[in-house]
PDB file of N, CA and C in Angstrom:
ATOM      1  N   MET A   1      28.863 -95.977  31.951  1.00  0.00           N
ATOM      2  CA  MET A   1      28.847 -94.807  31.100  1.00  0.00           C
ATOM      3  C   MET A   1      29.491 -95.166  29.768  1.00  0.00           C
ATOM      4  N   LYS A   2      28.738 -94.969  28.698  1.00  0.00           N
ATOM      5  CA  LYS A   2      29.269 -95.214  27.360  1.00  0.00           C
ATOM      6  C   LYS A   2      29.101 -93.950  26.533  1.00  0.00           C
ATOM      7  N   ILE A   3      30.115 -93.635  25.754  1.00  0.00           N
ATOM      8  CA  ILE A   3      30.085 -92.496  24.857  1.00  0.00           C
ATOM      9  C   ILE A   3      30.170 -93.034  23.432  1.00  0.00           C
ATOM     10  N   TYR A   4      29.303 -92.545  22.576  1.00  0.00           N
ATOM     11  CA  TYR A   4      29.293 -92.934  21.163  1.00  0.00           C
ATOM     12  C   TYR A   4      29.597 -91.687  20.333  1.00  0.00           C
ATOM     13  N   ILE A   5      30.469 -91.839  19.327  1.00  0.00           N
ATOM     14  CA  ILE A   5      30.826 -90.689  18.499  1.00  0.00           C
ATOM     15  C   ILE A   5      30.556 -90.967  17.023  1.00  0.00           C
ATOM     16  N   LYS A   6      30.212 -89.908  16.314  1.00  0.00           N
ATOM     17  CA  LYS A   6      30.076 -89.936  14.860  1.00  0.00           C
ATOM     18  C   LYS A   6      31.190 -89.030  14.346  1.00  0.00           C
ATOM     19  N   VAL A   7      31.985 -89.556  13.425  1.00  0.00           N
ATOM     20  CA  VAL A   7      33.195 -88.864  12.986  1.00  0.00           C
ATOM     21  C   VAL A   7      33.093 -88.501  11.514  1.00  0.00           C
ATOM     22  N   GLU A   8      33.630 -87.326  11.178  1.00  0.00           N
ATOM     23  CA  GLU A   8      33.764 -86.953   9.772  1.00  0.00           C
ATOM     24  C   GLU A   8      35.200 -86.501   9.538  1.00  0.00           C
ATOM     25  N   LYS A   9      35.650 -86.714   8.330  1.00  0.00           N
ATOM     26  CA  LYS A   9      37.019 -86.335   7.983  1.00  0.00           C
ATOM     27  C   LYS A   9      36.974 -85.001   7.249  1.00  0.00           C
ATOM     28  N   LYS A  10      37.723 -84.031   7.781  1.00  0.00           N
ATOM     29  CA  LYS A  10      37.817 -82.703   7.189  1.00  0.00           C
ATOM     30  C   LYS A  10      39.285 -82.357   7.019  1.00  0.00           C
ATOM     31  N   GLY A  11      39.676 -82.068   5.805  1.00  0.00           N
ATOM     32  CA  GLY A  11      41.049 -81.647   5.567  1.00  0.00           C
ATOM     33  C   GLY A  11      42.083 -82.617   6.105  1.00  0.00           C
ATOM     34  N   GLY A  12      41.791 -83.907   6.007  1.00  0.00           N
ATOM     35  CA  GLY A  12      42.738 -84.905   6.478  1.00  0.00           C
ATOM     36  C   GLY A  12      42.677 -85.177   7.970  1.00  0.00           C
ATOM     37  N   LYS A  13      41.825 -84.434   8.697  1.00  0.00           N
ATOM     38  CA  LYS A  13      41.696 -84.645  10.142  1.00  0.00           C
ATOM     39  C   LYS A  13      40.328 -85.242  10.450  1.00  0.00           C
ATOM     40  N   GLU A  14      40.314 -86.076  11.455  1.00  0.00           N
ATOM     41  CA  GLU A  14      39.062 -86.662  11.906  1.00  0.00           C
ATOM     42  C   GLU A  14      38.468 -85.769  12.997  1.00  0.00           C
ATOM     43  N   THR A  15      37.222 -85.383  12.765  1.00  0.00           N
ATOM     44  CA  THR A  15      36.534 -84.492  13.688  1.00  0.00           C
ATOM     45  C   THR A  15      35.277 -85.176  14.211  1.00  0.00           C
ATOM     46  N   ILE A  16      34.994 -84.971  15.472  1.00  0.00           N
ATOM     47  CA  ILE A  16      33.790 -85.548  16.071  1.00  0.00           C
ATOM     48  C   ILE A  16      32.601 -84.686  15.656  1.00  0.00           C
ATOM     49  N   LYS A  17      31.755 -85.257  14.818  1.00  0.00           N
ATOM     50  CA  LYS A  17      30.596 -84.532  14.308  1.00  0.00           C
ATOM     51  C   LYS A  17      29.450 -84.547  15.316  1.00  0.00           C
ATOM     52  N   ASP A  18      29.273 -85.676  15.998  1.00  0.00           N
ATOM     53  CA  ASP A  18      28.195 -85.802  16.968  1.00  0.00           C
ATOM     54  C   ASP A  18      28.620 -86.778  18.059  1.00  0.00           C
ATOM     55  N   ALA A  19      28.019 -86.653  19.217  1.00  0.00           N
ATOM     56  CA  ALA A  19      28.323 -87.548  20.331  1.00  0.00           C
ATOM     57  C   ALA A  19      27.050 -87.799  21.133  1.00  0.00           C
ATOM     58  N   LYS A  20      26.886 -89.011  21.552  1.00  0.00           N
ATOM     59  CA  LYS A  20      25.742 -89.429  22.368  1.00  0.00           C
ATOM     60  C   LYS A  20      26.277 -90.235  23.550  1.00  0.00           C
ATOM     61  N   PHE A  21      25.437 -90.396  24.553  1.00  0.00           N
ATOM     62  CA  PHE A  21      25.871 -91.160  25.723  1.00  0.00           C
ATOM     63  C   PHE A  21      24.779 -92.086  26.206  1.00  0.00           C
ATOM     64  N   GLN A  22      25.221 -93.095  26.953  1.00  0.00           N
ATOM     65  CA  GLN A  22      24.326 -93.999  27.657  1.00  0.00           C
ATOM     66  C   GLN A  22      24.903 -94.133  29.055  1.00  0.00           C
ATOM     67  N   THR A  23      24.176 -93.651  30.031  1.00  0.00           N
ATOM     68  CA  THR A  23      24.693 -93.638  31.396  1.00  0.00           C
ATOM     69  C   THR A  23      23.651 -94.147  32.376  1.00  0.00           C
ATOM     70  N   LEU A  24      24.075 -95.059  33.210  1.00  0.00           N
ATOM     71  CA  LEU A  24      23.282 -95.491  34.341  1.00  0.00           C
ATOM     72  C   LEU A  24      23.959 -94.922  35.574  1.00  0.00           C
ATOM     73  N   GLY A  25      23.285 -94.046  36.273  1.00  0.00           N
ATOM     74  CA  GLY A  25      23.905 -93.458  37.446  1.00  0.00           C
ATOM     75  C   GLY A  25      23.096 -92.295  37.975  1.00  0.00           C
ATOM     76  N   CYS A  26      23.733 -91.543  38.818  1.00  0.00           N
ATOM     77  CA  CYS A  26      23.078 -90.420  39.474  1.00  0.00           C
ATOM     78  C   CYS A  26      22.924 -89.239  38.509  1.00  0.00           C
ATOM     79  N   GLY A  27      22.267 -88.214  38.983  1.00  0.00           N
ATOM     80  CA  GLY A  27      22.058 -87.011  38.189  1.00  0.00           C
ATOM     81  C   GLY A  27      23.355 -86.358  37.755  1.00  0.00           C
ATOM     82  N   HIS A  28      24.364 -86.384  38.616  1.00  0.00           N
ATOM     83  CA  HIS A  28      25.659 -85.802  38.260  1.00  0.00           C
ATOM     84  C   HIS A  28      26.296 -86.566  37.102  1.00  0.00           C
ATOM     85  N   ALA A  29      26.224 -87.880  37.148  1.00  0.00           N
ATOM     86  CA  ALA A  29      26.807 -88.699  36.078  1.00  0.00           C
ATOM     87  C   ALA A  29      26.116 -88.413  34.747  1.00  0.00           C
ATOM     88  N   ILE A  30      24.809 -88.276  34.779  1.00  0.00           N
ATOM     89  CA  ILE A  30      24.056 -87.999  33.554  1.00  0.00           C
ATOM     90  C   ILE A  30      24.373 -86.599  33.030  1.00  0.00           C
ATOM     91  N   ALA A  31      24.402 -85.613  33.924  1.00  0.00           N
ATOM     92  CA  ALA A  31      24.700 -84.233  33.510  1.00  0.00           C
ATOM     93  C   ALA A  31      26.108 -84.120  32.934  1.00  0.00           C
ATOM     94  N   ILE A  32      27.059 -84.776  33.553  1.00  0.00           N
ATOM     95  CA  ILE A  32      28.444 -84.724  33.079  1.00  0.00           C
ATOM     96  C   ILE A  32      28.580 -85.458  31.745  1.00  0.00           C
ATOM     97  N   SER A  33      27.898 -86.569  31.594  1.00  0.00           N
ATOM     98  CA  SER A  33      27.925 -87.291  30.313  1.00  0.00           C
ATOM     99  C   SER A  33      27.392 -86.401  29.194  1.00  0.00           C
ATOM    100  N   ASP A  34      26.273 -85.750  29.459  1.00  0.00           N
ATOM    101  CA  ASP A  34      25.685 -84.850  28.472  1.00  0.00           C
ATOM    102  C   ASP A  34      26.628 -83.691  28.156  1.00  0.00           C
ATOM    103  N   MET A  35      27.229 -83.122  29.173  1.00  0.00           N
ATOM    104  CA  MET A  35      28.113 -81.974  28.975  1.00  0.00           C
ATOM    105  C   MET A  35      29.351 -82.354  28.174  1.00  0.00           C
ATOM    106  N   ILE A  36      29.964 -83.485  28.475  1.00  0.00           N
ATOM    107  CA  ILE A  36      31.174 -83.853  27.733  1.00  0.00           C
ATOM    108  C   ILE A  36      30.832 -84.136  26.272  1.00  0.00           C
ATOM    109  N   CYS A  37      29.642 -84.682  26.016  1.00  0.00           N
ATOM    110  CA  CYS A  37      29.228 -84.899  24.621  1.00  0.00           C
ATOM    111  C   CYS A  37      29.109 -83.568  23.884  1.00  0.00           C
ATOM    112  N   GLU A  38      28.568 -82.567  24.545  1.00  0.00           N
ATOM    113  CA  GLU A  38      28.465 -81.248  23.924  1.00  0.00           C
ATOM    114  C   GLU A  38      29.850 -80.633  23.708  1.00  0.00           C
ATOM    115  N   LEU A  39      30.729 -80.820  24.665  1.00  0.00           N
ATOM    116  CA  LEU A  39      32.064 -80.220  24.582  1.00  0.00           C
ATOM    117  C   LEU A  39      32.945 -80.834  23.499  1.00  0.00           C
ATOM    118  N   ILE A  40      32.747 -82.118  23.177  1.00  0.00           N
ATOM    119  CA  ILE A  40      33.627 -82.752  22.189  1.00  0.00           C
ATOM    120  C   ILE A  40      33.146 -82.571  20.755  1.00  0.00           C
ATOM    121  N   LYS A  41      31.904 -82.151  20.567  1.00  0.00           N
ATOM    122  CA  LYS A  41      31.381 -81.949  19.208  1.00  0.00           C
ATOM    123  C   LYS A  41      32.201 -80.882  18.486  1.00  0.00           C
ATOM    124  N   GLY A  42      32.606 -81.206  17.265  1.00  0.00           N
ATOM    125  CA  GLY A  42      33.384 -80.269  16.460  1.00  0.00           C
ATOM    126  C   GLY A  42      34.874 -80.274  16.754  1.00  0.00           C
ATOM    127  N   LYS A  43      35.293 -81.120  17.668  1.00  0.00           N
ATOM    128  CA  LYS A  43      36.700 -81.184  18.054  1.00  0.00           C
ATOM    129  C   LYS A  43      37.404 -82.340  17.341  1.00  0.00           C
ATOM    130  N   THR A  44      38.711 -82.168  17.141  1.00  0.00           N
ATOM    131  CA  THR A  44      39.530 -83.278  16.657  1.00  0.00           C
ATOM    132  C   THR A  44      39.708 -84.242  17.826  1.00  0.00           C
ATOM    133  N   PHE A  45      40.225 -85.424  17.532  1.00  0.00           N
ATOM    134  CA  PHE A  45      40.468 -86.385  18.602  1.00  0.00           C
ATOM    135  C   PHE A  45      41.407 -85.814  19.658  1.00  0.00           C
ATOM    136  N   GLU A  46      42.461 -85.150  19.201  1.00  0.00           N
ATOM    137  CA  GLU A  46      43.444 -84.597  20.125  1.00  0.00           C
ATOM    138  C   GLU A  46      42.809 -83.551  21.043  1.00  0.00           C
ATOM    139  N   GLU A  47      41.965 -82.688  20.468  1.00  0.00           N
ATOM    140  CA  GLU A  47      41.294 -81.661  21.265  1.00  0.00           C
ATOM    141  C   GLU A  47      40.313 -82.290  22.251  1.00  0.00           C
ATOM    142  N   ALA A  48      39.590 -83.292  21.803  1.00  0.00           N
ATOM    143  CA  ALA A  48      38.601 -83.955  22.663  1.00  0.00           C
ATOM    144  C   ALA A  48      39.265 -84.632  23.855  1.00  0.00           C
ATOM    145  N   LEU A  49      40.427 -85.226  23.620  1.00  0.00           N
ATOM    146  CA  LEU A  49      41.123 -85.920  24.706  1.00  0.00           C
ATOM    147  C   LEU A  49      41.681 -84.957  25.754  1.00  0.00           C
ATOM    148  N   LYS A  50      41.802 -83.695  25.420  1.00  0.00           N
ATOM    149  CA  LYS A  50      42.320 -82.694  26.362  1.00  0.00           C
ATOM    150  C   LYS A  50      41.235 -82.112  27.258  1.00  0.00           C
ATOM    151  N   ILE A  51      39.967 -82.400  26.961  1.00  0.00           N
ATOM    152  CA  ILE A  51      38.875 -81.865  27.775  1.00  0.00           C
ATOM    153  C   ILE A  51      38.916 -82.536  29.137  1.00  0.00           C
ATOM    154  N   GLY A  52      38.952 -81.715  30.164  1.00  0.00           N
ATOM    155  CA  GLY A  52      39.083 -82.242  31.512  1.00  0.00           C
ATOM    156  C   GLY A  52      38.020 -81.728  32.459  1.00  0.00           C
ATOM    157  N   TYR A  53      38.222 -82.015  33.716  1.00  0.00           N
ATOM    158  CA  TYR A  53      37.273 -81.625  34.756  1.00  0.00           C
ATOM    159  C   TYR A  53      37.037 -80.120  34.760  1.00  0.00           C
ATOM    160  N   GLU A  54      38.093 -79.349  34.575  1.00  0.00           N
ATOM    161  CA  GLU A  54      37.975 -77.887  34.610  1.00  0.00           C
ATOM    162  C   GLU A  54      37.011 -77.394  33.538  1.00  0.00           C
ATOM    163  N   ASP A  55      37.099 -77.972  32.352  1.00  0.00           N
ATOM    164  CA  ASP A  55      36.209 -77.587  31.252  1.00  0.00           C
ATOM    165  C   ASP A  55      34.757 -77.931  31.581  1.00  0.00           C
ATOM    166  N   ILE A  56      34.562 -79.093  32.155  1.00  0.00           N
ATOM    167  CA  ILE A  56      33.213 -79.537  32.522  1.00  0.00           C
ATOM    168  C   ILE A  56      32.653 -78.638  33.617  1.00  0.00           C
ATOM    169  N   ALA A  57      33.447 -78.382  34.650  1.00  0.00           N
ATOM    170  CA  ALA A  57      32.997 -77.557  35.768  1.00  0.00           C
ATOM    171  C   ALA A  57      32.694 -76.129  35.320  1.00  0.00           C
ATOM    172  N   GLU A  58      33.450 -75.633  34.352  1.00  0.00           N
ATOM    173  CA  GLU A  58      33.213 -74.280  33.841  1.00  0.00           C
ATOM    174  C   GLU A  58      31.823 -74.173  33.207  1.00  0.00           C
ATOM    175  N   GLU A  59      31.374 -75.253  32.595  1.00  0.00           N
ATOM    176  CA  GLU A  59      30.085 -75.250  31.915  1.00  0.00           C
ATOM    177  C   GLU A  59      28.904 -75.557  32.841  1.00  0.00           C
ATOM    178  N   ILE A  60      29.060 -76.532  33.728  1.00  0.00           N
ATOM    179  CA  ILE A  60      27.914 -76.928  34.557  1.00  0.00           C
ATOM    180  C   ILE A  60      28.034 -76.485  36.012  1.00  0.00           C
ATOM    181  N   GLY A  61      29.158 -75.933  36.371  1.00  0.00           N
ATOM    182  CA  GLY A  61      29.360 -75.522  37.750  1.00  0.00           C
ATOM    183  C   GLY A  61      30.165 -76.549  38.521  1.00  0.00           C
ATOM    184  N   GLU A  62      30.547 -76.157  39.691  1.00  0.00           N
ATOM    185  CA  GLU A  62      31.381 -77.008  40.536  1.00  0.00           C
ATOM    186  C   GLU A  62      30.638 -78.289  40.897  1.00  0.00           C
ATOM    187  N   VAL A  63      31.338 -79.394  40.862  1.00  0.00           N
ATOM    188  CA  VAL A  63      30.771 -80.704  41.186  1.00  0.00           C
ATOM    189  C   VAL A  63      31.239 -81.081  42.598  1.00  0.00           C
ATOM    190  N   PRO A  64      30.336 -81.619  43.414  1.00  0.00           N
ATOM    191  CA  PRO A  64      30.748 -82.029  44.759  1.00  0.00           C
ATOM    192  C   PRO A  64      31.924 -83.006  44.706  1.00  0.00           C
ATOM    193  N   PRO A  65      32.839 -82.914  45.653  1.00  0.00           N
ATOM    194  CA  PRO A  65      34.022 -83.797  45.648  1.00  0.00           C
ATOM    195  C   PRO A  65      33.686 -85.280  45.519  1.00  0.00           C
ATOM    196  N   ALA A  66      32.582 -85.708  46.097  1.00  0.00           N
ATOM    197  CA  ALA A  66      32.207 -87.126  46.029  1.00  0.00           C
ATOM    198  C   ALA A  66      31.763 -87.537  44.630  1.00  0.00           C
ATOM    199  N   LYS A  67      31.544 -86.568  43.742  1.00  0.00           N
ATOM    200  CA  LYS A  67      31.048 -86.869  42.392  1.00  0.00           C
ATOM    201  C   LYS A  67      32.070 -86.564  41.305  1.00  0.00           C
ATOM    202  N   ILE A  68      33.283 -86.178  41.685  1.00  0.00           N
ATOM    203  CA  ILE A  68      34.314 -85.872  40.693  1.00  0.00           C
ATOM    204  C   ILE A  68      34.649 -87.106  39.852  1.00  0.00           C
ATOM    205  N   HIS A  69      34.490 -88.283  40.424  1.00  0.00           N
ATOM    206  CA  HIS A  69      34.780 -89.507  39.661  1.00  0.00           C
ATOM    207  C   HIS A  69      33.912 -89.600  38.409  1.00  0.00           C
ATOM    208  N   CYS A  70      32.748 -88.951  38.406  1.00  0.00           N
ATOM    209  CA  CYS A  70      31.879 -88.964  37.222  1.00  0.00           C
ATOM    210  C   CYS A  70      32.580 -88.293  36.043  1.00  0.00           C
ATOM    211  N   ALA A  71      33.323 -87.223  36.316  1.00  0.00           N
ATOM    212  CA  ALA A  71      34.076 -86.540  35.251  1.00  0.00           C
ATOM    213  C   ALA A  71      35.179 -87.444  34.725  1.00  0.00           C
ATOM    214  N   HIS A  72      35.820 -88.168  35.607  1.00  0.00           N
ATOM    215  CA  HIS A  72      36.874 -89.095  35.179  1.00  0.00           C
ATOM    216  C   HIS A  72      36.288 -90.232  34.336  1.00  0.00           C
ATOM    217  N   LEU A  73      35.097 -90.697  34.707  1.00  0.00           N
ATOM    218  CA  LEU A  73      34.431 -91.732  33.916  1.00  0.00           C
ATOM    219  C   LEU A  73      34.080 -91.207  32.522  1.00  0.00           C
ATOM    220  N   ALA A  74      33.626 -89.962  32.452  1.00  0.00           N
ATOM    221  CA  ALA A  74      33.280 -89.366  31.164  1.00  0.00           C
ATOM    222  C   ALA A  74      34.519 -89.234  30.282  1.00  0.00           C
ATOM    223  N   GLN A  75      35.624 -88.809  30.868  1.00  0.00           N
ATOM    224  CA  GLN A  75      36.878 -88.707  30.115  1.00  0.00           C
ATOM    225  C   GLN A  75      37.301 -90.082  29.619  1.00  0.00           C
ATOM    226  N   ALA A  76      37.179 -91.090  30.450  1.00  0.00           N
ATOM    227  CA  ALA A  76      37.525 -92.453  30.047  1.00  0.00           C
ATOM    228  C   ALA A  76      36.595 -92.932  28.933  1.00  0.00           C
ATOM    229  N   GLY A  77      35.330 -92.536  28.987  1.00  0.00           N
ATOM    230  CA  GLY A  77      34.385 -92.898  27.943  1.00  0.00           C
ATOM    231  C   GLY A  77      34.745 -92.293  26.598  1.00  0.00           C
ATOM    232  N   VAL A  78      35.178 -91.037  26.604  1.00  0.00           N
ATOM    233  CA  VAL A  78      35.605 -90.376  25.369  1.00  0.00           C
ATOM    234  C   VAL A  78      36.833 -91.080  24.805  1.00  0.00           C
ATOM    235  N   LYS A  79      37.780 -91.367  25.673  1.00  0.00           N
ATOM    236  CA  LYS A  79      39.005 -92.047  25.240  1.00  0.00           C
ATOM    237  C   LYS A  79      38.670 -93.410  24.641  1.00  0.00           C
ATOM    238  N   ALA A  80      37.781 -94.149  25.288  1.00  0.00           N
ATOM    239  CA  ALA A  80      37.398 -95.473  24.794  1.00  0.00           C
ATOM    240  C   ALA A  80      36.687 -95.378  23.448  1.00  0.00           C
ATOM    241  N   ALA A  81      35.827 -94.370  23.282  1.00  0.00           N
ATOM    242  CA  ALA A  81      35.109 -94.198  22.015  1.00  0.00           C
ATOM    243  C   ALA A  81      36.084 -93.891  20.874  1.00  0.00           C
ATOM    244  N   ILE A  82      37.054 -93.056  21.150  1.00  0.00           N
ATOM    245  CA  ILE A  82      38.057 -92.708  20.133  1.00  0.00           C
ATOM    246  C   ILE A  82      38.916 -93.919  19.790  1.00  0.00           C
ATOM    247  N   GLU A  83      39.358 -94.646  20.810  1.00  0.00           N
ATOM    248  CA  GLU A  83      40.164 -95.845  20.571  1.00  0.00           C
ATOM    249  C   GLU A  83      39.378 -96.886  19.778  1.00  0.00           C
ATOM    250  N   ASP A  84      38.095 -97.041  20.095  1.00  0.00           N
ATOM    251  CA  ASP A  84      37.247 -97.985  19.374  1.00  0.00           C
ATOM    252  C   ASP A  84      37.105 -97.572  17.909  1.00  0.00           C
ATOM    253  N   TYR A  85      36.905 -96.279  17.666  1.00  0.00           N
ATOM    254  CA  TYR A  85      36.800 -95.785  16.295  1.00  0.00           C
ATOM    255  C   TYR A  85      38.083 -96.070  15.511  1.00  0.00           C
ATOM    256  N   LYS A  86      39.222 -95.755  16.132  1.00  0.00           N
ATOM    257  CA  LYS A  86      40.510 -95.971  15.458  1.00  0.00           C
ATOM    258  C   LYS A  86      40.734 -97.445  15.160  1.00  0.00           C
ATOM    259  N   LYS A  87      40.377 -98.295  16.096  1.00  0.00           N
ATOM    260  CA  LYS A  87      40.547 -99.746  15.919  1.00  0.00           C
ATOM    261  C   LYS A  87      39.698-100.258  14.759  1.00  0.00           C
ATOM    262  N   LYS A  88      38.483 -99.773  14.654  1.00  0.00           N
ATOM    263  CA  LYS A  88      37.568-100.228  13.604  1.00  0.00           C
ATOM    264  C   LYS A  88      37.859 -99.602  12.245  1.00  0.00           C
ATOM    265  N   ASN A  89      38.613 -98.514  12.216  1.00  0.00           N
ATOM    266  CA  ASN A  89      38.836 -97.788  10.958  1.00  0.00           C
ATOM    267  C   ASN A  89      40.312 -97.690  10.582  1.00  0.00           C
ATOM    268  N   LYS A  90      41.062 -98.721  10.882  1.00  0.00           N
ATOM    269  CA  LYS A  90      42.494 -98.720  10.515  1.00  0.00           C
ATOM    270  C   LYS A  90      42.659 -98.794   9.036  1.00  0.00           C
TER     271      LYS A  90
END
């Protein structure tokens, strides 16, 4: 699961303007990847990093316990995308 972000600077803050994903996995992994991309759009980095399983489940419904790891992978993907952006734009 990979998350790609497009960032714009507004009022001194970096905001996620757009987000895309590349996921190889089951339907749950794809749905969660898509949902987290929608949820982080328009958010600052700090706000995006706070998005968790509860936020995802509220939007797409309860995820079977065996598939909760997909939400954790999506969160890790967002964190990695933000860290990559910061590293490249120091």
